[in-house]
Amino acid sequence: MTNPLATAPAPVFDLLITGGTVIDGTKAPRFEADVGLLDGRIAALGDLRGRAARQTLDATGRIVAPGFIDSHTHDDQALLATPEMVFKVSQGVTTVVTGNCGISLAPLRAGGPLPAPLNLLDADARAPFETFADFLDALRRTPASVNVVPLVGHTTLRVTAVADLDRSATAGEIAAMQGLLQEALDAGAVGLSTGTFYPPAAAASTEEIIELGRPLTGTGALYATHLRDEADAMTAAMDEALRIGRELDVPVVLSHHKVQLPHNFGKSAQTLAHVRRAMQCQCVSLDCYPYTAGSTMIRTDRGLIDGRVLIASSVPHPECAGRDLADIAAEWGVPRDEAARRLQPGSAIYFMMDEGDVQRILAFDETMIGSDGIPIGDKPHPRLWGTFPRVLGHYSRDLGLFPLETAVWKMTGLTARNFGLHDRGTLAVGRPADVVVFDPDTVLDTARYDDPQRVAAGIDVVIVNGAITWRQGAHAGARQGQVIVRTGRGAGTAAVARLP
């Protein structure tokens, strides 16, 4: 007869990480613990000596942390075209938030060139996803090496539904965009993003965004925004975003917070105080990247091209990638704005921020880390490959801007909280096994503006949903990423809306 009080044998772990120091993503002090993984989840934390495991990893002298969550990416097409996602897993990233700045790969009609900045998604290689559900289904059929948290973009909705992008949408066009947004929410989009800094959305009024965003209310979805202005009119642009959040009663994410152009340097003290005040009465968060240069489509704006501009990619002149705009203009014997026009479409790196502002924004308590990398061309911004190790190594360890526990929290637990990823972002029993093991003494970005596709130092092992995905400087072959959809209040079940 079986003894009902007999102790069941301890399960055999799939992977046992021994001897490491755990930083769990909550900002709590680090502690010594082994970590046991089973069936894609964290099964045990603590002293696990003597426990059986199919595979053991010695993490002595290493930090064991939750996999990093990139809060701001443009990886929509890359997930399908280069699913190994080496530029992300090599720096410890296990989850990416896509569809930022109003730019998402769905819903779009098939055929015809897309206007900038939608073409930054490498649209020539894209499949035509007429519904958001189609896009998510494609990601599920061919999993990438990282998890995906999808936003739907306002610019994408505009390009699909608005006949004239140089004006605000009509009532009928707003209704069409509402229908497309509802379909995306029903499919699981975590929210809506806007990028009114860019031409396809710049003509949109505040009221257009509020009205098309009505389906967000009551769903638990959020509103992420590349502000209409990040220079002289930044306060007014922030107020617009905050008003949209209040009108819709949704959380607001201020994307890649920065202060642009020399005459505005130092004003981050005022913008952050503005954010802090807003946080007292509504749900607001922000992210940033750890560089003084930004990157976007090639533009001709006088303010942007007056400083140093490095061409990252150019469709008509691919030979110019990696060269300074000033040198190209001099060689061609034309002004900078004319050279920029000739180089379009393409992407460029703009040196337009102050290191003091970057550090102040990074150190702000509630700032998440997002790379904002653009994964096209041979000369991308080095943030695509180096953002997270740069925060850990340069800003936390070398400059002492904040403790390592805070650095990890800014790229794990804080981001999971703000995006509603309630089972990600921390190392705890029962959570999905997204784990990074790194050397706190050597972790550092190695990507540079003149050599941007270099693998970071000090990232030993990256595990995604229990599968070793990166190990000792090489991809391990696993592609176990999942599509993480919104499961908050009011998730709908309406029929999928096809494009007209």
Foldseek 3Di string as FASTA:
>chain_A
DDDPPDDDDDDAFQEKEAQAWELFLPLDDIHHWIWGHHQQFTADIHPPPPGHYPYYHYQHQWYKYFQFEFEAEACLLVCLVPQLLCLAVLQRHAEYEHCAALAHQDQADDDDDDDPPNCLSVVVPDDHHNALLSSQVSCVVPFGRHAYQYAHGPLRLLVQQPPDLQAERDPVSLVSLLQRNLLNLLSFHQAYEHNCLDSSNVRHDLVSCLSSRLVVAQFQHAYEYAFNDQEDCVVVSVVSQLVSCVSRVHAYEYEARAYWADVCAPCLVVVVVVVVVSVVPHHYFYAHFQDQKDKGWQALDCRQLVAWKAFCAFPVCRVRHGHTLVVQCVVVVHDSSVSSVVRPGGMMITRTHDNVSSLVQVLPQRYAYHLHWRPDHQQTALSSNFGLLACLAVVCPVVVSDHNSSSLNSRFVSSCVSSVVVLTRTRDRPGRPFMWMWNSVQWGRDADNNRRPDRTPTTAWTAHSRRTQDHDHDGPPDRPYYHDGDPGGPNDNDDNDGRD
